[in-house]
Amino acid sequence: MRITVLTVADCPNAQPALDLVTAALDGRPADVALVEVADESEAARLGMYGSPTVLIDGTDPFAPPGAEPSLSCRLYWRPDGAMSGLPDATALRRALTGRAEPRQPGGTADCCPTR
């Protein structure tokens, strides 16, 4: 399994997202990489829908329907309806084991500087 955490420079959620992925793996082997995305064309090529984006084998299990690739900050819906800069830990564990839940509505926000 290959997990890629896509971020923009200086994203405050980059390291927390990487830590969340590591914890969700719970010791399972995986190739995990943190990739800083520099421009919109790279975001489109990699499938980045805001920072941080977590890709599992190249797929974003949390991609909001109809979302456009973006260098903006990423917000994730929590089960309680709140939004967070990180995916829900339980949903991430399910996605890592192939039991992903249906994609939730989501969005991005301009909380991080774009480059």
Protein backbone atom coordinates (compact mmCIF):
# COMPACT_ATOMS: atom_id res chain seq x y z
CA MET A 1 0.00 0.00 0.00
CA ARG A 2 1.25 3.48 -0.87
CA ILE A 3 -0.03 6.47 1.08
CA THR A 4 0.79 9.99 -0.03
CA VAL A 5 -0.01 13.07 2.02
CA LEU A 6 -0.14 16.06 -0.34
CA THR A 7 0.40 19.47 1.22
CA VAL A 8 1.27 23.06 0.43
CA ALA A 9 4.25 24.82 1.96
CA ASP A 10 3.75 25.81 5.59
CA CYS A 11 0.46 23.92 5.94
CA PRO A 12 -0.22 23.61 9.69
CA ASN A 13 -1.97 20.27 9.12
CA ALA A 14 0.82 18.56 7.15
CA GLN A 15 2.58 16.89 10.08
CA PRO A 16 -0.64 16.14 11.98
CA ALA A 17 -1.98 14.42 8.83
CA LEU A 18 1.18 12.36 8.53
CA ASP A 19 0.93 11.44 12.22
CA LEU A 20 -2.74 10.50 11.77
CA VAL A 21 -1.88 8.21 8.85
CA THR A 22 0.88 6.53 10.87
CA ALA A 23 -1.46 5.96 13.80
CA ALA A 24 -4.26 4.67 11.54
CA LEU A 25 -1.92 2.15 9.95
CA ASP A 26 -1.47 0.63 13.41
CA GLY A 27 1.80 -1.07 12.44
CA ARG A 28 0.65 -2.34 9.03
CA PRO A 29 3.35 -1.96 6.39
CA ALA A 30 2.94 0.89 3.92
CA ASP A 31 5.06 3.22 1.86
CA VAL A 32 4.17 6.65 3.30
CA ALA A 33 5.34 9.91 1.74
CA LEU A 34 4.76 13.59 2.43
CA VAL A 35 4.76 15.57 -0.83
CA GLU A 36 4.76 19.36 -1.02
CA VAL A 37 2.78 20.54 -4.05
CA ALA A 38 4.02 23.75 -5.61
CA ASP A 39 1.45 24.79 -8.22
CA GLU A 40 -2.05 24.24 -9.59
CA SER A 41 -0.90 22.03 -12.48
CA GLU A 42 0.89 19.70 -10.07
CA ALA A 43 -2.20 19.68 -7.81
CA ALA A 44 -4.32 18.65 -10.80
CA ARG A 45 -1.85 15.98 -11.90
CA LEU A 46 -1.62 14.45 -8.40
CA GLY A 47 -5.31 14.76 -7.47
CA MET A 48 -4.92 17.26 -4.64
CA TYR A 49 -8.21 18.74 -3.38
CA GLY A 50 -6.69 21.03 -0.80
CA SER A 51 -4.01 20.65 1.84
CA PRO A 52 -3.68 18.09 3.26
CA THR A 53 -4.97 15.48 0.84
CA VAL A 54 -4.44 11.83 1.76
CA LEU A 55 -4.10 9.47 -1.20
CA ILE A 56 -4.32 5.72 -0.71
CA ASP A 57 -2.74 3.96 -3.68
CA GLY A 58 -3.28 7.17 -5.67
CA THR A 59 -6.94 7.64 -4.75
CA ASP A 60 -8.46 10.22 -2.41
CA PRO A 61 -11.18 8.36 -0.47
CA PHE A 62 -12.45 11.68 0.93
CA ALA A 63 -12.66 13.66 -2.32
CA PRO A 64 -15.85 15.70 -2.32
CA PRO A 65 -18.06 15.08 -5.37
CA GLY A 66 -17.37 17.59 -8.11
CA ALA A 67 -14.32 19.06 -6.37
CA GLU A 68 -11.66 20.73 -8.45
CA PRO A 69 -7.95 20.26 -7.69
CA SER A 70 -6.72 23.06 -5.48
CA LEU A 71 -3.80 24.45 -3.46
CA SER A 72 -6.16 25.80 -0.79
CA CYS A 73 -6.58 24.37 2.68
CA ARG A 74 -8.68 21.25 2.98
CA LEU A 75 -11.53 20.86 5.40
CA TYR A 76 -13.05 17.48 6.23
CA TRP A 77 -16.53 16.79 7.61
CA ARG A 78 -16.59 14.97 10.94
CA PRO A 79 -19.34 12.47 11.82
CA ASP A 80 -20.80 15.05 14.22
CA GLY A 81 -21.15 17.60 11.39
CA ALA A 82 -18.20 19.75 12.43
CA MET A 83 -15.33 20.46 10.07
CA SER A 84 -11.65 19.77 10.67
CA GLY A 85 -8.35 20.19 8.86
CA LEU A 86 -7.82 16.42 9.11
CA PRO A 87 -9.86 13.39 8.08
CA ASP A 88 -11.75 11.56 10.81
CA ALA A 89 -9.47 8.87 12.32
CA THR A 90 -12.14 6.14 12.15
CA ALA A 91 -12.98 6.94 8.52
CA LEU A 92 -9.28 6.91 7.66
CA ARG A 93 -8.79 3.49 9.30
CA ARG A 94 -11.76 2.16 7.30
CA ALA A 95 -10.35 3.58 4.08
CA LEU A 96 -6.99 1.96 4.80
CA THR A 97 -8.65 -1.43 5.20
CA GLY A 98 -10.78 -1.03 2.08
CA ARG A 99 -14.00 -0.38 3.99
CA ALA A 100 -14.38 3.27 3.03
CA GLU A 101 -17.69 4.95 3.73
CA PRO A 102 -19.47 6.86 0.97
CA ARG A 103 -17.83 10.19 0.24
CA GLN A 104 -19.20 13.05 2.25
CA PRO A 105 -19.76 16.59 1.05
CA GLY A 106 -16.69 18.63 1.78
CA GLY A 107 -14.86 21.70 0.84
CA THR A 108 -11.80 23.81 0.92
CA ALA A 109 -11.06 27.11 2.55
CA ASP A 110 -8.46 29.77 2.12
CA CYS A 111 -6.70 29.22 5.42
CA CYS A 112 -3.24 28.51 3.97
CA PRO A 113 -1.27 30.75 1.66
CA THR A 114 -1.17 29.53 -1.93
CA ARG A 115 2.05 29.55 -3.84
